[in-house]
Amino acid sequence: MKKNYFSELEKLLDNSSAPYSGFSVASIVVCKDGREFKGVNVESAAYPTTICAERNAIFTAVAEGIAKGDIESVHIAARNAEGLLVTAHPCGSCRQVIAEQSMNDCVVYSYQSAQDYTENAIATLLPFAFLGEEL
């Protein structure tokens, strides 16, 4: 890992909007050229319209012009309703978007603290990813 993003993620968690679950998530997507894109989860009373932090960050990156394959790493931190930092991994929908937008070649870091984090290749988190070549 080139840089530990824990302190930035911890601050970013305060921007999360999780009034229903109380489960706040922050994400920073880092591109191969060094650009960084931030996202937080935003919940809605109409639950299906909620957006996860990882997809929020990736969709922002796409809106700013990144191409498929530009994503090098995704960094995630989460805080539960009791205010405790917990290790969280991307949901299935986020894993699909991460795999697709990174061309199945990036690392996902899930932090509980600056020293306590997991590191997983997206290909490990989502084996047999559907990347669109089949279309």
C-alpha atoms as a PDB file:
ATOM      1  CA  MET A   1       0.000   0.000   0.000  1.00  0.00           C
ATOM      2  CA  LYS A   2       1.404   3.353  -1.025  1.00  0.00           C
ATOM      3  CA  LYS A   3      -0.546   5.365   1.556  1.00  0.00           C
ATOM      4  CA  ASN A   4      -2.657   4.601   4.607  1.00  0.00           C
ATOM      5  CA  TYR A   5      -6.001   6.375   4.210  1.00  0.00           C
ATOM      6  CA  PHE A   6      -7.421   5.667   7.663  1.00  0.00           C
ATOM      7  CA  SER A   7      -7.319   9.215   9.072  1.00  0.00           C
ATOM      8  CA  GLU A   8      -8.946  10.662   5.943  1.00  0.00           C
ATOM      9  CA  LEU A   9     -11.620   7.965   5.983  1.00  0.00           C
ATOM     10  CA  GLU A  10     -12.327   8.512   9.683  1.00  0.00           C
ATOM     11  CA  LYS A  11     -13.023  12.217   9.025  1.00  0.00           C
ATOM     12  CA  LEU A  12     -15.040  11.416   5.907  1.00  0.00           C
ATOM     13  CA  LEU A  13     -17.329   9.133   7.947  1.00  0.00           C
ATOM     14  CA  ASP A  14     -18.847  12.276   9.485  1.00  0.00           C
ATOM     15  CA  ASN A  15     -20.275  13.160   6.049  1.00  0.00           C
ATOM     16  CA  SER A  16     -22.173   9.887   5.770  1.00  0.00           C
ATOM     17  CA  SER A  17     -25.962  10.100   5.842  1.00  0.00           C
ATOM     18  CA  ALA A  18     -27.188   6.981   7.633  1.00  0.00           C
ATOM     19  CA  PRO A  19     -30.303   8.082   9.576  1.00  0.00           C
ATOM     20  CA  TYR A  20     -32.013   4.675   9.350  1.00  0.00           C
ATOM     21  CA  SER A  21     -29.289   2.102   9.958  1.00  0.00           C
ATOM     22  CA  GLY A  22     -26.777   4.265  11.828  1.00  0.00           C
ATOM     23  CA  PHE A  23     -24.091   2.393   9.846  1.00  0.00           C
ATOM     24  CA  SER A  24     -21.766   4.970   8.293  1.00  0.00           C
ATOM     25  CA  VAL A  25     -19.349   4.068   5.517  1.00  0.00           C
ATOM     26  CA  ALA A  26     -16.666   6.136   3.788  1.00  0.00           C
ATOM     27  CA  SER A  27     -14.608   5.209   0.761  1.00  0.00           C
ATOM     28  CA  ILE A  28     -11.697   6.640  -1.177  1.00  0.00           C
ATOM     29  CA  VAL A  29     -10.959   5.350  -4.664  1.00  0.00           C
ATOM     30  CA  VAL A  30      -7.364   5.807  -5.808  1.00  0.00           C
ATOM     31  CA  CYS A  31      -6.483   5.757  -9.496  1.00  0.00           C
ATOM     32  CA  LYS A  32      -3.222   4.621 -11.056  1.00  0.00           C
ATOM     33  CA  ASP A  33      -2.370   8.257 -11.888  1.00  0.00           C
ATOM     34  CA  GLY A  34      -2.798   9.259  -8.218  1.00  0.00           C
ATOM     35  CA  ARG A  35      -6.212  10.907  -8.457  1.00  0.00           C
ATOM     36  CA  GLU A  36      -8.463  10.270  -5.467  1.00  0.00           C
ATOM     37  CA  PHE A  37     -12.255  10.252  -5.328  1.00  0.00           C
ATOM     38  CA  LYS A  38     -14.285  10.210  -2.118  1.00  0.00           C
ATOM     39  CA  GLY A  39     -17.709   8.838  -1.334  1.00  0.00           C
ATOM     40  CA  VAL A  40     -19.974   8.125   1.612  1.00  0.00           C
ATOM     41  CA  ASN A  41     -23.112   6.070   1.969  1.00  0.00           C
ATOM     42  CA  VAL A  42     -26.348   8.026   1.631  1.00  0.00           C
ATOM     43  CA  GLU A  43     -29.485   6.313   2.910  1.00  0.00           C
ATOM     44  CA  SER A  44     -33.010   7.013   1.749  1.00  0.00           C
ATOM     45  CA  ALA A  45     -36.387   6.239   3.305  1.00  0.00           C
ATOM     46  CA  ALA A  46     -37.047   4.417   0.014  1.00  0.00           C
ATOM     47  CA  TYR A  47     -34.349   1.836   0.803  1.00  0.00           C
ATOM     48  CA  PRO A  48     -33.555   0.694  -2.760  1.00  0.00           C
ATOM     49  CA  THR A  49     -32.468   4.247  -3.631  1.00  0.00           C
ATOM     50  CA  THR A  50     -29.708   4.200  -1.015  1.00  0.00           C
ATOM     51  CA  ILE A  51     -26.146   4.424  -2.377  1.00  0.00           C
ATOM     52  CA  CYS A  52     -23.075   2.778  -0.894  1.00  0.00           C
ATOM     53  CA  ALA A  53     -19.888   4.738  -0.273  1.00  0.00           C
ATOM     54  CA  GLU A  54     -17.827   2.647  -2.692  1.00  0.00           C
ATOM     55  CA  ARG A  55     -20.203   3.137  -5.617  1.00  0.00           C
ATOM     56  CA  ASN A  56     -20.618   6.800  -4.719  1.00  0.00           C
ATOM     57  CA  ALA A  57     -16.827   7.286  -4.999  1.00  0.00           C
ATOM     58  CA  ILE A  58     -16.539   5.219  -8.193  1.00  0.00           C
ATOM     59  CA  PHE A  59     -19.468   6.955  -9.895  1.00  0.00           C
ATOM     60  CA  THR A  60     -17.886  10.308  -9.040  1.00  0.00           C
ATOM     61  CA  ALA A  61     -14.609   9.100 -10.557  1.00  0.00           C
ATOM     62  CA  VAL A  62     -16.414   8.036 -13.727  1.00  0.00           C
ATOM     63  CA  ALA A  63     -18.194  11.408 -13.887  1.00  0.00           C
ATOM     64  CA  GLU A  64     -14.779  13.067 -13.622  1.00  0.00           C
ATOM     65  CA  GLY A  65     -13.498  11.100 -16.613  1.00  0.00           C
ATOM     66  CA  ILE A  66     -11.662   7.993 -15.425  1.00  0.00           C
ATOM     67  CA  ALA A  67     -11.645   5.035 -17.788  1.00  0.00           C
ATOM     68  CA  LYS A  68     -12.205   1.376 -17.009  1.00  0.00           C
ATOM     69  CA  GLY A  69      -8.974  -0.007 -15.603  1.00  0.00           C
ATOM     70  CA  ASP A  70      -7.822   3.281 -14.037  1.00  0.00           C
ATOM     71  CA  ILE A  71      -8.720   2.230 -10.472  1.00  0.00           C
ATOM     72  CA  GLU A  72      -5.766   0.973  -8.442  1.00  0.00           C
ATOM     73  CA  SER A  73      -7.313   0.649  -4.979  1.00  0.00           C
ATOM     74  CA  VAL A  74     -10.473   1.160  -2.961  1.00  0.00           C
ATOM     75  CA  HIS A  75     -10.235   2.121   0.730  1.00  0.00           C
ATOM     76  CA  ILE A  76     -13.148   1.653   3.132  1.00  0.00           C
ATOM     77  CA  ALA A  77     -13.924   2.527   6.753  1.00  0.00           C
ATOM     78  CA  ALA A  78     -17.168   1.999   8.648  1.00  0.00           C
ATOM     79  CA  ARG A  79     -18.716   3.008  11.961  1.00  0.00           C
ATOM     80  CA  ASN A  80     -21.686   1.192  13.480  1.00  0.00           C
ATOM     81  CA  ALA A  81     -24.709   2.721  15.215  1.00  0.00           C
ATOM     82  CA  GLU A  82     -22.868   2.586  18.558  1.00  0.00           C
ATOM     83  CA  GLY A  83     -20.114   4.754  17.090  1.00  0.00           C
ATOM     84  CA  LEU A  84     -17.519   1.968  16.981  1.00  0.00           C
ATOM     85  CA  LEU A  85     -15.216   1.548  14.014  1.00  0.00           C
ATOM     86  CA  VAL A  86     -15.744  -1.870  12.449  1.00  0.00           C
ATOM     87  CA  THR A  87     -14.199  -3.705   9.523  1.00  0.00           C
ATOM     88  CA  ALA A  88     -16.571  -3.701   6.566  1.00  0.00           C
ATOM     89  CA  HIS A  89     -16.160  -5.206   3.126  1.00  0.00           C
ATOM     90  CA  PRO A  90     -18.000  -4.149  -0.045  1.00  0.00           C
ATOM     91  CA  CYS A  91     -21.478  -5.532  -0.635  1.00  0.00           C
ATOM     92  CA  GLY A  92     -22.118  -7.653  -3.715  1.00  0.00           C
ATOM     93  CA  SER A  93     -23.288  -4.725  -5.851  1.00  0.00           C
ATOM     94  CA  CYS A  94     -20.176  -2.733  -4.959  1.00  0.00           C
ATOM     95  CA  ARG A  95     -17.929  -5.717  -5.663  1.00  0.00           C
ATOM     96  CA  GLN A  96     -19.446  -5.960  -9.148  1.00  0.00           C
ATOM     97  CA  VAL A  97     -18.895  -2.252  -9.872  1.00  0.00           C
ATOM     98  CA  ILE A  98     -15.354  -2.331  -8.441  1.00  0.00           C
ATOM     99  CA  ALA A  99     -14.481  -5.393 -10.543  1.00  0.00           C
ATOM    100  CA  GLU A 100     -15.965  -3.927 -13.694  1.00  0.00           C
ATOM    101  CA  GLN A 101     -14.486  -0.440 -13.354  1.00  0.00           C
ATOM    102  CA  SER A 102     -11.025  -1.726 -12.356  1.00  0.00           C
ATOM    103  CA  MET A 103     -10.980  -4.404 -15.073  1.00  0.00           C
ATOM    104  CA  ASN A 104     -10.886  -6.879 -12.174  1.00  0.00           C
ATOM    105  CA  ASP A 105      -7.464  -5.582 -11.096  1.00  0.00           C
ATOM    106  CA  CYS A 106      -7.422  -3.547  -7.907  1.00  0.00           C
ATOM    107  CA  VAL A 107      -6.941  -3.987  -4.180  1.00  0.00           C
ATOM    108  CA  VAL A 108      -9.642  -3.316  -1.587  1.00  0.00           C
ATOM    109  CA  TYR A 109      -8.484  -2.129   1.851  1.00  0.00           C
ATOM    110  CA  SER A 110     -10.972  -2.360   4.720  1.00  0.00           C
ATOM    111  CA  TYR A 111      -9.863  -0.460   7.837  1.00  0.00           C
ATOM    112  CA  GLN A 112     -10.790  -0.745  11.494  1.00  0.00           C
ATOM    113  CA  SER A 113      -7.838   1.442  12.508  1.00  0.00           C
ATOM    114  CA  ALA A 114      -4.634   2.737  10.948  1.00  0.00           C
ATOM    115  CA  GLN A 115      -2.900  -0.494  11.972  1.00  0.00           C
ATOM    116  CA  ASP A 116      -5.800  -2.932  11.659  1.00  0.00           C
ATOM    117  CA  TYR A 117      -6.965  -3.397   8.083  1.00  0.00           C
ATOM    118  CA  THR A 118      -7.484  -6.155   5.556  1.00  0.00           C
ATOM    119  CA  GLU A 119      -6.177  -6.187   2.006  1.00  0.00           C
ATOM    120  CA  ASN A 120      -7.940  -8.210  -0.685  1.00  0.00           C
ATOM    121  CA  ALA A 121      -7.739  -8.330  -4.453  1.00  0.00           C
ATOM    122  CA  ILE A 122     -11.140  -7.665  -6.005  1.00  0.00           C
ATOM    123  CA  ALA A 123     -10.737 -10.936  -7.913  1.00  0.00           C
ATOM    124  CA  THR A 124     -10.619 -12.710  -4.539  1.00  0.00           C
ATOM    125  CA  LEU A 125     -13.687 -10.871  -3.210  1.00  0.00           C
ATOM    126  CA  LEU A 126     -15.654 -11.561  -6.393  1.00  0.00           C
ATOM    127  CA  PRO A 127     -14.503 -14.735  -8.122  1.00  0.00           C
ATOM    128  CA  PHE A 128     -15.908 -15.311 -11.597  1.00  0.00           C
ATOM    129  CA  ALA A 129     -16.799 -11.634 -11.976  1.00  0.00           C
ATOM    130  CA  PHE A 130     -19.099 -10.640 -14.821  1.00  0.00           C
ATOM    131  CA  LEU A 131     -17.027  -8.026 -16.656  1.00  0.00           C
ATOM    132  CA  GLY A 132     -19.172  -7.457 -19.714  1.00  0.00           C
ATOM    133  CA  GLU A 133     -17.106  -9.215 -22.380  1.00  0.00           C
ATOM    134  CA  GLU A 134     -19.931 -11.736 -22.553  1.00  0.00           C
ATOM    135  CA  LEU A 135     -22.385  -9.125 -23.844  1.00  0.00           C
END
